[in-house]
């Protein structure tokens, strides 16, 4: 695991950052929606219980299995 600080709008645009927290698998954001804006923002994830600040463990497992 590694962390990358995105602290400017220019960096957000350069890396396609869609908000914090963003979780990447081999550099790919499996939860990104194509029409989601790029920029510095808090991110919300759609979970079975509604919006949350992070995906559920089951959602993360499902994404990892689909790789």
C-alpha atoms as a PDB file:
ATOM      1  CA  UNK A   1       0.000   0.000   0.000  1.00  0.00           C
ATOM      2  CA  UNK A   2       1.152   3.518  -0.717  1.00  0.00           C
ATOM      3  CA  UNK A   3      -0.257   6.987  -0.277  1.00  0.00           C
ATOM      4  CA  UNK A   4      -0.095   9.950  -2.609  1.00  0.00           C
ATOM      5  CA  UNK A   5      -1.006  13.428  -1.387  1.00  0.00           C
ATOM      6  CA  UNK A   6      -3.005  15.443  -3.893  1.00  0.00           C
ATOM      7  CA  UNK A   7      -3.044  19.009  -2.601  1.00  0.00           C
ATOM      8  CA  UNK A   8      -3.526  21.226  -5.642  1.00  0.00           C
ATOM      9  CA  UNK A   9      -6.185  21.415  -8.316  1.00  0.00           C
ATOM     10  CA  UNK A  10      -3.482  21.020 -10.957  1.00  0.00           C
ATOM     11  CA  UNK A  11      -2.293  17.757  -9.382  1.00  0.00           C
ATOM     12  CA  UNK A  12      -5.895  16.535  -9.112  1.00  0.00           C
ATOM     13  CA  UNK A  13      -6.429  17.131 -12.821  1.00  0.00           C
ATOM     14  CA  UNK A  14      -3.072  15.572 -13.733  1.00  0.00           C
ATOM     15  CA  UNK A  15      -3.806  12.306 -11.910  1.00  0.00           C
ATOM     16  CA  UNK A  16      -7.579  12.213 -12.493  1.00  0.00           C
ATOM     17  CA  UNK A  17      -8.319  12.547  -8.783  1.00  0.00           C
ATOM     18  CA  UNK A  18     -12.031  12.241  -8.002  1.00  0.00           C
ATOM     19  CA  UNK A  19     -11.937  13.026  -4.299  1.00  0.00           C
ATOM     20  CA  UNK A  20     -10.695  11.757  -1.001  1.00  0.00           C
ATOM     21  CA  UNK A  21     -10.435   8.988  -0.177  1.00  0.00           C
ATOM     22  CA  UNK A  22      -9.667   7.387  -3.526  1.00  0.00           C
ATOM     23  CA  UNK A  23      -8.653   3.744  -3.652  1.00  0.00           C
ATOM     24  CA  UNK A  24      -6.587   2.569  -6.607  1.00  0.00           C
ATOM     25  CA  UNK A  25      -5.811  -0.998  -7.669  1.00  0.00           C
ATOM     26  CA  UNK A  26      -2.684  -0.973  -9.848  1.00  0.00           C
ATOM     27  CA  UNK A  27      -3.296   2.703 -10.589  1.00  0.00           C
ATOM     28  CA  UNK A  28      -6.975   2.234 -11.536  1.00  0.00           C
ATOM     29  CA  UNK A  29      -9.900   3.619  -9.553  1.00  0.00           C
ATOM     30  CA  UNK A  30     -12.471   0.801  -9.799  1.00  0.00           C
ATOM     31  CA  UNK A  31     -15.151   2.915  -8.119  1.00  0.00           C
ATOM     32  CA  UNK A  32     -14.820   5.949 -10.409  1.00  0.00           C
ATOM     33  CA  UNK A  33     -17.787   7.019 -12.440  1.00  0.00           C
ATOM     34  CA  UNK A  34     -16.798   8.392 -15.832  1.00  0.00           C
ATOM     35  CA  UNK A  35     -18.885  11.542 -15.372  1.00  0.00           C
ATOM     36  CA  UNK A  36     -17.582  12.281 -11.855  1.00  0.00           C
ATOM     37  CA  UNK A  37     -15.769  15.609 -11.671  1.00  0.00           C
ATOM     38  CA  UNK A  38     -12.021  15.731 -11.124  1.00  0.00           C
ATOM     39  CA  UNK A  39     -10.759  17.942  -8.333  1.00  0.00           C
ATOM     40  CA  UNK A  40     -10.141  18.445  -4.654  1.00  0.00           C
ATOM     41  CA  UNK A  41     -13.225  17.238  -2.811  1.00  0.00           C
ATOM     42  CA  UNK A  42     -14.510  14.829  -0.235  1.00  0.00           C
ATOM     43  CA  UNK A  43     -15.702  11.644  -1.858  1.00  0.00           C
ATOM     44  CA  UNK A  44     -18.858   9.672  -1.189  1.00  0.00           C
ATOM     45  CA  UNK A  45     -19.293   6.029  -2.075  1.00  0.00           C
ATOM     46  CA  UNK A  46     -22.598   4.338  -2.789  1.00  0.00           C
ATOM     47  CA  UNK A  47     -22.962   1.384  -0.429  1.00  0.00           C
ATOM     48  CA  UNK A  48     -25.855  -0.991   0.285  1.00  0.00           C
ATOM     49  CA  UNK A  49     -26.741   1.259   3.239  1.00  0.00           C
ATOM     50  CA  UNK A  50     -26.566   4.521   1.272  1.00  0.00           C
ATOM     51  CA  UNK A  51     -23.753   7.011   0.838  1.00  0.00           C
ATOM     52  CA  UNK A  52     -20.629   6.543   2.968  1.00  0.00           C
ATOM     53  CA  UNK A  53     -17.107   7.910   3.239  1.00  0.00           C
ATOM     54  CA  UNK A  54     -15.596   4.639   1.996  1.00  0.00           C
ATOM     55  CA  UNK A  55     -16.721   1.458   0.253  1.00  0.00           C
ATOM     56  CA  UNK A  56     -17.619  -1.503   2.415  1.00  0.00           C
ATOM     57  CA  UNK A  57     -15.185  -4.365   2.942  1.00  0.00           C
ATOM     58  CA  UNK A  58     -17.459  -6.568   0.809  1.00  0.00           C
ATOM     59  CA  UNK A  59     -17.386  -4.005  -2.023  1.00  0.00           C
ATOM     60  CA  UNK A  60     -13.581  -3.919  -1.862  1.00  0.00           C
ATOM     61  CA  UNK A  61     -13.425  -7.720  -1.960  1.00  0.00           C
ATOM     62  CA  UNK A  62     -15.776  -7.847  -4.954  1.00  0.00           C
ATOM     63  CA  UNK A  63     -13.635  -5.353  -6.863  1.00  0.00           C
ATOM     64  CA  UNK A  64     -10.455  -7.281  -6.053  1.00  0.00           C
ATOM     65  CA  UNK A  65     -12.026 -10.544  -7.213  1.00  0.00           C
ATOM     66  CA  UNK A  66     -13.049  -8.972 -10.516  1.00  0.00           C
ATOM     67  CA  UNK A  67      -9.469  -8.039 -11.419  1.00  0.00           C
END
